[in-house]
PDB file of N, CA and C in Angstrom:
ATOM      1  N   MET A   1     -43.058  -1.504  11.426  1.00  0.00           N
ATOM      2  CA  MET A   1     -42.327  -2.522  10.853  1.00  0.00           C
ATOM      3  C   MET A   1     -42.211  -2.064   9.672  1.00  0.00           C
ATOM      4  N   ARG A   2     -43.406  -1.640   8.876  1.00  0.00           N
ATOM      5  CA  ARG A   2     -42.813  -1.610   7.397  1.00  0.00           C
ATOM      6  C   ARG A   2     -42.155  -0.939   7.052  1.00  0.00           C
ATOM      7  N   LEU A   3     -41.450   0.196   7.916  1.00  0.00           N
ATOM      8  CA  LEU A   3     -40.198   1.270   7.762  1.00  0.00           C
ATOM      9  C   LEU A   3     -39.352   0.926   8.062  1.00  0.00           C
ATOM     10  N   CYS A   4     -39.219  -0.043   9.014  1.00  0.00           N
ATOM     11  CA  CYS A   4     -37.984  -0.791   9.146  1.00  0.00           C
ATOM     12  C   CYS A   4     -37.066  -1.951   7.635  1.00  0.00           C
ATOM     13  N   ARG A   5     -38.346  -2.753   6.838  1.00  0.00           N
ATOM     14  CA  ARG A   5     -37.246  -3.005   6.201  1.00  0.00           C
ATOM     15  C   ARG A   5     -36.748  -2.579   5.218  1.00  0.00           C
ATOM     16  N   PRO A   6     -37.597  -1.434   4.610  1.00  0.00           N
ATOM     17  CA  PRO A   6     -36.897  -0.523   3.761  1.00  0.00           C
ATOM     18  C   PRO A   6     -35.509  -0.090   4.564  1.00  0.00           C
ATOM     19  N   LEU A   7     -35.778   0.917   5.519  1.00  0.00           N
ATOM     20  CA  LEU A   7     -34.583   1.195   5.978  1.00  0.00           C
ATOM     21  C   LEU A   7     -33.464   0.063   6.210  1.00  0.00           C
ATOM     22  N   ALA A   8     -33.715  -0.905   6.603  1.00  0.00           N
ATOM     23  CA  ALA A   8     -32.257  -2.197   6.870  1.00  0.00           C
ATOM     24  C   ALA A   8     -31.726  -2.426   5.606  1.00  0.00           C
ATOM     25  N   ALA A   9     -32.857  -2.123   4.465  1.00  0.00           N
ATOM     26  CA  ALA A   9     -32.683  -2.783   2.748  1.00  0.00           C
ATOM     27  C   ALA A   9     -31.220  -1.388   2.464  1.00  0.00           C
ATOM     28  N   VAL A  10     -31.826  -0.373   2.738  1.00  0.00           N
ATOM     29  CA  VAL A  10     -30.858   1.469   2.279  1.00  0.00           C
ATOM     30  C   VAL A  10     -29.485   0.613   2.774  1.00  0.00           C
ATOM     31  N   LEU A  11     -29.112   0.608   4.194  1.00  0.00           N
ATOM     32  CA  LEU A  11     -28.516   0.768   5.465  1.00  0.00           C
ATOM     33  C   LEU A  11     -27.424  -0.682   4.483  1.00  0.00           C
ATOM     34  N   GLY A  12     -27.726  -1.669   4.402  1.00  0.00           N
ATOM     35  CA  GLY A  12     -27.420  -2.950   3.940  1.00  0.00           C
ATOM     36  C   GLY A  12     -26.812  -2.438   2.722  1.00  0.00           C
ATOM     37  N   GLY A  13     -27.639  -1.751   1.728  1.00  0.00           N
ATOM     38  CA  GLY A  13     -26.943  -1.428   0.426  1.00  0.00           C
ATOM     39  C   GLY A  13     -25.646  -0.551   0.545  1.00  0.00           C
ATOM     40  N   LEU A  14     -25.923   0.463   1.015  1.00  0.00           N
ATOM     41  CA  LEU A  14     -24.184   1.083   1.431  1.00  0.00           C
ATOM     42  C   LEU A  14     -23.521   0.751   2.021  1.00  0.00           C
ATOM     43  N   VAL A  15     -23.796  -0.337   3.239  1.00  0.00           N
ATOM     44  CA  VAL A  15     -22.784  -1.252   3.670  1.00  0.00           C
ATOM     45  C   VAL A  15     -21.939  -1.971   2.520  1.00  0.00           C
ATOM     46  N   LEU A  16     -23.083  -2.392   1.412  1.00  0.00           N
ATOM     47  CA  LEU A  16     -22.375  -3.369   0.573  1.00  0.00           C
ATOM     48  C   LEU A  16     -21.402  -2.522  -0.580  1.00  0.00           C
ATOM     49  N   ALA A  17     -21.969  -1.504  -0.585  1.00  0.00           N
ATOM     50  CA  ALA A  17     -21.423  -0.616  -1.638  1.00  0.00           C
ATOM     51  C   ALA A  17     -19.998   0.338  -1.140  1.00  0.00           C
ATOM     52  N   ALA A  18     -19.826   0.414   0.456  1.00  0.00           N
ATOM     53  CA  ALA A  18     -18.548   1.132   0.958  1.00  0.00           C
ATOM     54  C   ALA A  18     -17.428  -0.201   0.856  1.00  0.00           C
ATOM     55  N   THR A  19     -17.780  -1.528   0.992  1.00  0.00           N
ATOM     56  CA  THR A  19     -16.903  -2.244   0.793  1.00  0.00           C
ATOM     57  C   THR A  19     -16.678  -2.961  -0.423  1.00  0.00           C
ATOM     58  N   ALA A  20     -17.416  -2.624  -1.774  1.00  0.00           N
ATOM     59  CA  ALA A  20     -17.307  -3.031  -2.634  1.00  0.00           C
ATOM     60  C   ALA A  20     -16.441  -2.130  -3.028  1.00  0.00           C
ATOM     61  N   THR A  21     -16.271  -0.572  -2.478  1.00  0.00           N
ATOM     62  CA  THR A  21     -15.189   0.521  -3.157  1.00  0.00           C
ATOM     63  C   THR A  21     -14.116   0.318  -2.412  1.00  0.00           C
ATOM     64  N   ALA A  22     -13.846  -0.200  -1.607  1.00  0.00           N
ATOM     65  CA  ALA A  22     -12.807  -0.203  -0.500  1.00  0.00           C
ATOM     66  C   ALA A  22     -11.318  -0.514  -1.272  1.00  0.00           C
ATOM     67  N   PRO A  23     -11.463  -1.966  -1.798  1.00  0.00           N
ATOM     68  CA  PRO A  23     -10.403  -2.109  -2.704  1.00  0.00           C
ATOM     69  C   PRO A  23      -9.844  -1.575  -3.033  1.00  0.00           C
ATOM     70  N   ALA A  24     -10.291  -1.040  -4.072  1.00  0.00           N
ATOM     71  CA  ALA A  24     -10.163   0.337  -5.116  1.00  0.00           C
ATOM     72  C   ALA A  24      -9.482   1.023  -4.681  1.00  0.00           C
ATOM     73  N   LEU A  25      -9.075   1.431  -3.498  1.00  0.00           N
ATOM     74  CA  LEU A  25      -8.404   2.676  -2.865  1.00  0.00           C
ATOM     75  C   LEU A  25      -7.381   2.153  -2.741  1.00  0.00           C
ATOM     76  N   ALA A  26      -7.063   0.744  -1.984  1.00  0.00           N
ATOM     77  CA  ALA A  26      -5.767   0.212  -1.879  1.00  0.00           C
ATOM     78  C   ALA A  26      -4.864  -1.057  -2.422  1.00  0.00           C
ATOM     79  N   ALA A  27      -3.789  -0.864  -2.459  1.00  0.00           N
ATOM     80  CA  ALA A  27      -3.141  -1.724  -3.385  1.00  0.00           C
ATOM     81  C   ALA A  27      -3.256  -3.102  -3.171  1.00  0.00           C
ATOM     82  N   GLY A  28      -3.843  -3.792  -1.997  1.00  0.00           N
ATOM     83  CA  GLY A  28      -4.281  -5.075  -1.446  1.00  0.00           C
ATOM     84  C   GLY A  28      -2.647  -5.890  -1.303  1.00  0.00           C
ATOM     85  N   GLY A  29      -2.939  -6.476  -0.252  1.00  0.00           N
ATOM     86  CA  GLY A  29      -1.692  -7.542  -0.081  1.00  0.00           C
ATOM     87  C   GLY A  29      -0.858  -6.585   0.944  1.00  0.00           C
ATOM     88  N   THR A  30       0.299  -7.112   1.050  1.00  0.00           N
ATOM     89  CA  THR A  30       1.141  -6.457   1.875  1.00  0.00           C
ATOM     90  C   THR A  30       2.384  -6.172   1.343  1.00  0.00           C
ATOM     91  N   PHE A  31       3.327  -4.880   2.025  1.00  0.00           N
ATOM     92  CA  PHE A  31       4.554  -4.479   1.712  1.00  0.00           C
ATOM     93  C   PHE A  31       5.297  -5.190   2.617  1.00  0.00           C
ATOM     94  N   THR A  32       6.586  -5.342   2.663  1.00  0.00           N
ATOM     95  CA  THR A  32       7.325  -5.528   3.669  1.00  0.00           C
ATOM     96  C   THR A  32       8.949  -5.228   3.283  1.00  0.00           C
ATOM     97  N   TRP A  33       9.711  -4.755   4.299  1.00  0.00           N
ATOM     98  CA  TRP A  33      10.748  -4.017   4.014  1.00  0.00           C
ATOM     99  C   TRP A  33      11.679  -4.137   5.230  1.00  0.00           C
ATOM    100  N   LEU A  34      13.211  -4.070   5.444  1.00  0.00           N
ATOM    101  CA  LEU A  34      13.929  -4.166   6.511  1.00  0.00           C
ATOM    102  C   LEU A  34      14.225  -3.000   6.970  1.00  0.00           C
ATOM    103  N   GLY A  35      14.636  -2.404   7.888  1.00  0.00           N
ATOM    104  CA  GLY A  35      14.394  -1.495   9.016  1.00  0.00           C
ATOM    105  C   GLY A  35      15.965  -1.539   9.393  1.00  0.00           C
ATOM    106  N   PRO A  36      16.138  -0.764  10.677  1.00  0.00           N
ATOM    107  CA  PRO A  36      17.498  -0.844  11.394  1.00  0.00           C
ATOM    108  C   PRO A  36      17.632  -2.108  11.956  1.00  0.00           C
ATOM    109  N   HIS A  37      18.943  -2.517  11.295  1.00  0.00           N
ATOM    110  CA  HIS A  37      19.609  -3.772  12.650  1.00  0.00           C
ATOM    111  C   HIS A  37      18.804  -5.135  11.903  1.00  0.00           C
ATOM    112  N   GLY A  38      18.422  -4.840  10.724  1.00  0.00           N
ATOM    113  CA  GLY A  38      17.641  -6.006   9.957  1.00  0.00           C
ATOM    114  C   GLY A  38      16.263  -6.180  10.716  1.00  0.00           C
ATOM    115  N   LYS A  39      15.465  -5.761  11.339  1.00  0.00           N
ATOM    116  CA  LYS A  39      14.043  -5.959  11.694  1.00  0.00           C
ATOM    117  C   LYS A  39      13.084  -5.401  10.392  1.00  0.00           C
ATOM    118  N   ALA A  40      12.401  -6.585  10.149  1.00  0.00           N
ATOM    119  CA  ALA A  40      11.488  -6.531   9.125  1.00  0.00           C
ATOM    120  C   ALA A  40       9.944  -5.776  10.066  1.00  0.00           C
ATOM    121  N   TYR A  41       9.754  -5.159   8.695  1.00  0.00           N
ATOM    122  CA  TYR A  41       8.376  -4.498   8.981  1.00  0.00           C
ATOM    123  C   TYR A  41       7.079  -4.954   8.132  1.00  0.00           C
ATOM    124  N   VAL A  42       6.115  -4.605   8.158  1.00  0.00           N
ATOM    125  CA  VAL A  42       4.960  -5.000   7.270  1.00  0.00           C
ATOM    126  C   VAL A  42       3.740  -3.796   7.396  1.00  0.00           C
ATOM    127  N   ILE A  43       3.448  -3.884   5.943  1.00  0.00           N
ATOM    128  CA  ILE A  43       2.375  -2.783   6.140  1.00  0.00           C
ATOM    129  C   ILE A  43       0.927  -3.634   5.377  1.00  0.00           C
ATOM    130  N   THR A  44      -0.031  -3.688   5.538  1.00  0.00           N
ATOM    131  CA  THR A  44      -0.901  -4.517   4.958  1.00  0.00           C
ATOM    132  C   THR A  44      -2.122  -3.520   4.527  1.00  0.00           C
ATOM    133  N   ASP A  45      -2.501  -4.014   2.893  1.00  0.00           N
ATOM    134  CA  ASP A  45      -3.526  -3.005   2.429  1.00  0.00           C
ATOM    135  C   ASP A  45      -3.266  -1.810   2.591  1.00  0.00           C
ATOM    136  N   PRO A  46      -1.863  -1.475   1.813  1.00  0.00           N
ATOM    137  CA  PRO A  46      -1.281  -0.460   1.547  1.00  0.00           C
ATOM    138  C   PRO A  46      -1.997   1.070   0.610  1.00  0.00           C
ATOM    139  N   PRO A  47      -2.615   2.085   0.970  1.00  0.00           N
ATOM    140  CA  PRO A  47      -3.610   2.885  -0.047  1.00  0.00           C
ATOM    141  C   PRO A  47      -2.484   3.187  -1.125  1.00  0.00           C
ATOM    142  N   SER A  48      -3.498   3.268  -2.061  1.00  0.00           N
ATOM    143  CA  SER A  48      -3.004   3.589  -3.474  1.00  0.00           C
ATOM    144  C   SER A  48      -2.439   5.110  -3.509  1.00  0.00           C
ATOM    145  N   HIS A  49      -1.462   5.631  -4.502  1.00  0.00           N
ATOM    146  CA  HIS A  49      -1.007   6.650  -5.287  1.00  0.00           C
ATOM    147  C   HIS A  49      -0.521   7.939  -4.416  1.00  0.00           C
ATOM    148  N   ARG A  50      -0.194   7.125  -3.383  1.00  0.00           N
ATOM    149  CA  ARG A  50       0.148   8.730  -2.532  1.00  0.00           C
ATOM    150  C   ARG A  50       1.403   8.325  -2.397  1.00  0.00           C
ATOM    151  N   CYS A  51       2.594   9.539  -1.759  1.00  0.00           N
ATOM    152  CA  CYS A  51       3.584   9.392  -1.439  1.00  0.00           C
ATOM    153  C   CYS A  51       4.100   9.023  -0.132  1.00  0.00           C
ATOM    154  N   PHE A  52       4.850   8.413   0.634  1.00  0.00           N
ATOM    155  CA  PHE A  52       5.059   8.042   1.995  1.00  0.00           C
ATOM    156  C   PHE A  52       6.589   8.054   2.409  1.00  0.00           C
ATOM    157  N   ASP A  53       6.677   8.674   3.107  1.00  0.00           N
ATOM    158  CA  ASP A  53       8.183   9.017   3.487  1.00  0.00           C
ATOM    159  C   ASP A  53       8.655   8.121   4.542  1.00  0.00           C
ATOM    160  N   MET A  54       9.885   7.437   4.612  1.00  0.00           N
ATOM    161  CA  MET A  54      10.374   6.409   5.608  1.00  0.00           C
ATOM    162  C   MET A  54      10.900   7.263   6.692  1.00  0.00           C
ATOM    163  N   ALA A  55      10.752   6.538   7.949  1.00  0.00           N
ATOM    164  CA  ALA A  55      10.722   7.286   9.486  1.00  0.00           C
ATOM    165  C   ALA A  55      12.157   7.273   9.286  1.00  0.00           C
ATOM    166  N   GLN A  56      12.400   5.948   9.147  1.00  0.00           N
ATOM    167  CA  GLN A  56      13.723   5.364   9.884  1.00  0.00           C
ATOM    168  C   GLN A  56      14.875   4.845   8.128  1.00  0.00           C
ATOM    169  N   GLU A  57      15.495   4.039   8.694  1.00  0.00           N
ATOM    170  CA  GLU A  57      16.866   3.289   6.996  1.00  0.00           C
ATOM    171  C   GLU A  57      15.820   2.766   6.681  1.00  0.00           C
ATOM    172  N   ALA A  58      15.465   1.956   5.500  1.00  0.00           N
ATOM    173  CA  ALA A  58      14.391   1.247   4.884  1.00  0.00           C
ATOM    174  C   ALA A  58      15.648   0.671   3.638  1.00  0.00           C
ATOM    175  N   ARG A  59      15.346  -0.554   3.619  1.00  0.00           N
ATOM    176  CA  ARG A  59      15.838  -1.598   2.435  1.00  0.00           C
ATOM    177  C   ARG A  59      15.024  -2.573   2.040  1.00  0.00           C
ATOM    178  N   GLY A  60      15.677  -3.362   1.045  1.00  0.00           N
ATOM    179  CA  GLY A  60      14.780  -4.733   0.562  1.00  0.00           C
ATOM    180  C   GLY A  60      13.832  -4.942   0.605  1.00  0.00           C
ATOM    181  N   ALA A  61      12.808  -4.031  -0.159  1.00  0.00           N
ATOM    182  CA  ALA A  61      11.932  -3.433  -0.294  1.00  0.00           C
ATOM    183  C   ALA A  61      11.355  -5.123  -1.178  1.00  0.00           C
ATOM    184  N   HIS A  62       9.907  -5.597  -0.096  1.00  0.00           N
ATOM    185  CA  HIS A  62       9.016  -6.920  -1.380  1.00  0.00           C
ATOM    186  C   HIS A  62       7.968  -6.265  -1.324  1.00  0.00           C
ATOM    187  N   ASN A  63       7.287  -6.297  -2.857  1.00  0.00           N
ATOM    188  CA  ASN A  63       6.002  -6.221  -2.944  1.00  0.00           C
ATOM    189  C   ASN A  63       5.401  -7.187  -3.221  1.00  0.00           C
ATOM    190  N   GLY A  64       4.801  -7.470  -2.255  1.00  0.00           N
ATOM    191  CA  GLY A  64       3.373  -8.895  -2.122  1.00  0.00           C
ATOM    192  C   GLY A  64       1.769  -7.958  -2.239  1.00  0.00           C
ATOM    193  N   THR A  65       2.043  -6.803  -2.811  1.00  0.00           N
ATOM    194  CA  THR A  65       0.385  -6.468  -2.902  1.00  0.00           C
ATOM    195  C   THR A  65      -0.045  -7.139  -4.577  1.00  0.00           C
ATOM    196  N   ARG A  66      -0.887  -6.441  -4.884  1.00  0.00           N
ATOM    197  CA  ARG A  66      -1.614  -7.078  -6.220  1.00  0.00           C
ATOM    198  C   ARG A  66      -1.109  -5.635  -7.309  1.00  0.00           C
ATOM    199  N   LYS A  67      -0.654  -4.530  -7.275  1.00  0.00           N
ATOM    200  CA  LYS A  67      -0.217  -3.666  -7.754  1.00  0.00           C
ATOM    201  C   LYS A  67       1.407  -3.337  -7.875  1.00  0.00           C
ATOM    202  N   PRO A  68       1.856  -2.398  -8.552  1.00  0.00           N
ATOM    203  CA  PRO A  68       3.697  -2.169  -8.686  1.00  0.00           C
ATOM    204  C   PRO A  68       3.375  -1.152  -7.924  1.00  0.00           C
ATOM    205  N   LEU A  69       4.646  -0.992  -7.416  1.00  0.00           N
ATOM    206  CA  LEU A  69       5.114   0.375  -6.839  1.00  0.00           C
ATOM    207  C   LEU A  69       6.140   0.620  -6.964  1.00  0.00           C
ATOM    208  N   VAL A  70       6.460   1.666  -6.747  1.00  0.00           N
ATOM    209  CA  VAL A  70       8.001   2.517  -6.949  1.00  0.00           C
ATOM    210  C   VAL A  70       8.584   3.142  -5.183  1.00  0.00           C
ATOM    211  N   VAL A  71       9.654   2.741  -5.209  1.00  0.00           N
ATOM    212  CA  VAL A  71      10.647   2.967  -4.316  1.00  0.00           C
ATOM    213  C   VAL A  71      11.763   4.311  -4.631  1.00  0.00           C
ATOM    214  N   PHE A  72      12.221   5.169  -3.907  1.00  0.00           N
ATOM    215  CA  PHE A  72      12.689   6.480  -4.393  1.00  0.00           C
ATOM    216  C   PHE A  72      13.863   6.395  -3.414  1.00  0.00           C
ATOM    217  N   ALA A  73      15.432   6.852  -3.958  1.00  0.00           N
ATOM    218  CA  ALA A  73      15.891   7.333  -3.267  1.00  0.00           C
ATOM    219  C   ALA A  73      15.912   8.046  -1.932  1.00  0.00           C
ATOM    220  N   ARG A  74      15.634   9.542  -2.192  1.00  0.00           N
ATOM    221  CA  ARG A  74      15.444  10.519  -1.509  1.00  0.00           C
ATOM    222  C   ARG A  74      13.314  10.689  -0.771  1.00  0.00           C
ATOM    223  N   LYS A  75      13.621  11.541  -0.103  1.00  0.00           N
ATOM    224  CA  LYS A  75      12.281  11.482   0.589  1.00  0.00           C
ATOM    225  C   LYS A  75      11.505  12.456  -0.640  1.00  0.00           C
ATOM    226  N   LYS A  76      10.003  12.380  -0.242  1.00  0.00           N
ATOM    227  CA  LYS A  76       8.822  13.164  -0.862  1.00  0.00           C
ATOM    228  C   LYS A  76       8.890  12.733  -2.355  1.00  0.00           C
ATOM    229  N   CYS A  77       9.299  11.050  -2.642  1.00  0.00           N
ATOM    230  CA  CYS A  77       9.176  10.545  -3.964  1.00  0.00           C
ATOM    231  C   CYS A  77       9.758  11.499  -4.893  1.00  0.00           C
ATOM    232  N   LYS A  78      11.427  11.996  -4.460  1.00  0.00           N
ATOM    233  CA  LYS A  78      12.311  12.198  -5.010  1.00  0.00           C
ATOM    234  C   LYS A  78      13.455  11.160  -5.505  1.00  0.00           C
ATOM    235  N   GLY A  79      14.461  11.712  -6.666  1.00  0.00           N
ATOM    236  CA  GLY A  79      15.616  11.081  -6.933  1.00  0.00           C
ATOM    237  C   GLY A  79      15.348   9.884  -7.481  1.00  0.00           C
ATOM    238  N   ALA A  80      16.464   8.849  -7.536  1.00  0.00           N
ATOM    239  CA  ALA A  80      16.166   7.687  -8.292  1.00  0.00           C
ATOM    240  C   ALA A  80      14.972   7.026  -8.127  1.00  0.00           C
ATOM    241  N   ALA A  81      14.504   6.260  -8.786  1.00  0.00           N
ATOM    242  CA  ALA A  81      13.417   5.426  -8.885  1.00  0.00           C
ATOM    243  C   ALA A  81      13.621   4.329  -9.186  1.00  0.00           C
ATOM    244  N   LEU A  82      13.234   3.299  -8.686  1.00  0.00           N
ATOM    245  CA  LEU A  82      12.798   1.891  -8.593  1.00  0.00           C
ATOM    246  C   LEU A  82      11.237   1.263  -8.591  1.00  0.00           C
ATOM    247  N   ARG A  83      11.165   0.283 -10.065  1.00  0.00           N
ATOM    248  CA  ARG A  83       9.572  -0.060  -9.728  1.00  0.00           C
ATOM    249  C   ARG A  83      10.048  -1.384  -9.602  1.00  0.00           C
ATOM    250  N   VAL A  84       8.982  -1.580  -8.443  1.00  0.00           N
ATOM    251  CA  VAL A  84       8.808  -2.962  -8.188  1.00  0.00           C
ATOM    252  C   VAL A  84       7.520  -3.603  -8.302  1.00  0.00           C
ATOM    253  N   ALA A  85       7.773  -4.691  -9.133  1.00  0.00           N
ATOM    254  CA  ALA A  85       6.082  -5.464  -9.627  1.00  0.00           C
ATOM    255  C   ALA A  85       5.922  -6.117  -8.677  1.00  0.00           C
ATOM    256  N   PRO A  86       4.222  -6.795  -8.887  1.00  0.00           N
ATOM    257  CA  PRO A  86       3.931  -7.287  -7.345  1.00  0.00           C
ATOM    258  C   PRO A  86       4.148  -8.684  -7.735  1.00  0.00           C
ATOM    259  N   GLY A  87       4.293  -9.055  -6.307  1.00  0.00           N
ATOM    260  CA  GLY A  87       5.339 -10.628  -6.089  1.00  0.00           C
ATOM    261  C   GLY A  87       6.784 -10.338  -6.398  1.00  0.00           C
ATOM    262  N   ARG A  88       7.155  -9.604  -6.644  1.00  0.00           N
ATOM    263  CA  ARG A  88       8.766  -9.031  -6.269  1.00  0.00           C
ATOM    264  C   ARG A  88       9.748  -8.534  -5.524  1.00  0.00           C
ATOM    265  N   SER A  89      10.955  -8.342  -5.565  1.00  0.00           N
ATOM    266  CA  SER A  89      11.758  -7.734  -4.341  1.00  0.00           C
ATOM    267  C   SER A  89      12.237  -6.831  -5.128  1.00  0.00           C
ATOM    268  N   ALA A  90      12.827  -5.515  -4.546  1.00  0.00           N
ATOM    269  CA  ALA A  90      14.242  -4.944  -5.209  1.00  0.00           C
ATOM    270  C   ALA A  90      15.147  -5.262  -4.217  1.00  0.00           C
ATOM    271  N   PRO A  91      16.524  -5.442  -4.532  1.00  0.00           N
ATOM    272  CA  PRO A  91      17.498  -5.934  -4.063  1.00  0.00           C
ATOM    273  C   PRO A  91      17.652  -5.383  -2.585  1.00  0.00           C
ATOM    274  N   ALA A  92      18.419  -6.730  -2.397  1.00  0.00           N
ATOM    275  CA  ALA A  92      18.343  -6.327  -0.794  1.00  0.00           C
ATOM    276  C   ALA A  92      19.185  -5.418   0.142  1.00  0.00           C
ATOM    277  N   ARG A  93      20.252  -5.055  -0.869  1.00  0.00           N
ATOM    278  CA  ARG A  93      20.581  -3.603  -0.329  1.00  0.00           C
ATOM    279  C   ARG A  93      20.607  -2.282  -0.551  1.00  0.00           C
ATOM    280  N   ALA A  94      19.045  -2.333  -1.703  1.00  0.00           N
ATOM    281  CA  ALA A  94      18.489  -1.192  -2.355  1.00  0.00           C
ATOM    282  C   ALA A  94      18.063  -0.226  -0.849  1.00  0.00           C
ATOM    283  N   ARG A  95      18.553   0.698  -0.472  1.00  0.00           N
ATOM    284  CA  ARG A  95      18.060   1.550   0.635  1.00  0.00           C
ATOM    285  C   ARG A  95      16.983   2.533  -0.399  1.00  0.00           C
ATOM    286  N   PHE A  96      15.717   2.926   0.123  1.00  0.00           N
ATOM    287  CA  PHE A  96      15.182   3.759  -0.235  1.00  0.00           C
ATOM    288  C   PHE A  96      14.376   4.734   0.903  1.00  0.00           C
ATOM    289  N   ALA A  97      13.827   5.747   0.643  1.00  0.00           N
ATOM    290  CA  ALA A  97      13.845   6.424   1.639  1.00  0.00           C
ATOM    291  C   ALA A  97      12.514   6.930   1.134  1.00  0.00           C
ATOM    292  N   SER A  98      11.862   6.900   0.352  1.00  0.00           N
ATOM    293  CA  SER A  98      10.130   7.313   0.298  1.00  0.00           C
ATOM    294  C   SER A  98       9.512   6.126  -0.813  1.00  0.00           C
ATOM    295  N   ILE A  99       8.514   6.063  -1.062  1.00  0.00           N
ATOM    296  CA  ILE A  99       7.778   4.848  -1.540  1.00  0.00           C
ATOM    297  C   ILE A  99       6.053   5.269  -1.878  1.00  0.00           C
ATOM    298  N   VAL A 100       5.602   5.303  -3.041  1.00  0.00           N
ATOM    299  CA  VAL A 100       4.619   4.998  -3.746  1.00  0.00           C
ATOM    300  C   VAL A 100       3.822   3.697  -4.214  1.00  0.00           C
ATOM    301  N   PHE A 101       2.709   3.722  -3.802  1.00  0.00           N
ATOM    302  CA  PHE A 101       1.986   2.210  -3.891  1.00  0.00           C
ATOM    303  C   PHE A 101       1.043   2.663  -5.060  1.00  0.00           C
ATOM    304  N   ASP A 102       1.300   2.394  -6.330  1.00  0.00           N
ATOM    305  CA  ASP A 102       0.266   1.948  -7.465  1.00  0.00           C
ATOM    306  C   ASP A 102       0.629   3.112  -7.537  1.00  0.00           C
ATOM    307  N   PRO A 103       1.636   3.486  -8.309  1.00  0.00           N
ATOM    308  CA  PRO A 103       1.917   4.906  -8.682  1.00  0.00           C
ATOM    309  C   PRO A 103       0.443   4.924  -9.909  1.00  0.00           C
ATOM    310  N   ARG A 104       0.325   6.171 -10.339  1.00  0.00           N
ATOM    311  CA  ARG A 104      -0.462   6.652 -11.494  1.00  0.00           C
ATOM    312  C   ARG A 104       0.119   6.634 -12.889  1.00  0.00           C
TER     313      ARG A 104
END
């Protein structure tokens, strides 16, 4: 019984530490955009600092996260870039091919 309490305390501390650091790795919130035929898509808590290529047509980016994001005209986060502040939207017709959340 004496071994169980310290073990439970250590495990509880590890769980608390893991949950406390998780939000720092994500932009937090939701990112929405329009795909082919105007269909809406959503990503919740997207990871930060990584470039993502869109698999299909994408436009009308809305940044519902707590961090800024940048959409790019070409894949691999290249080409013309448009920064979108938290809570703001890119122009509805602005197409993009890649995105990075919470850029460095």
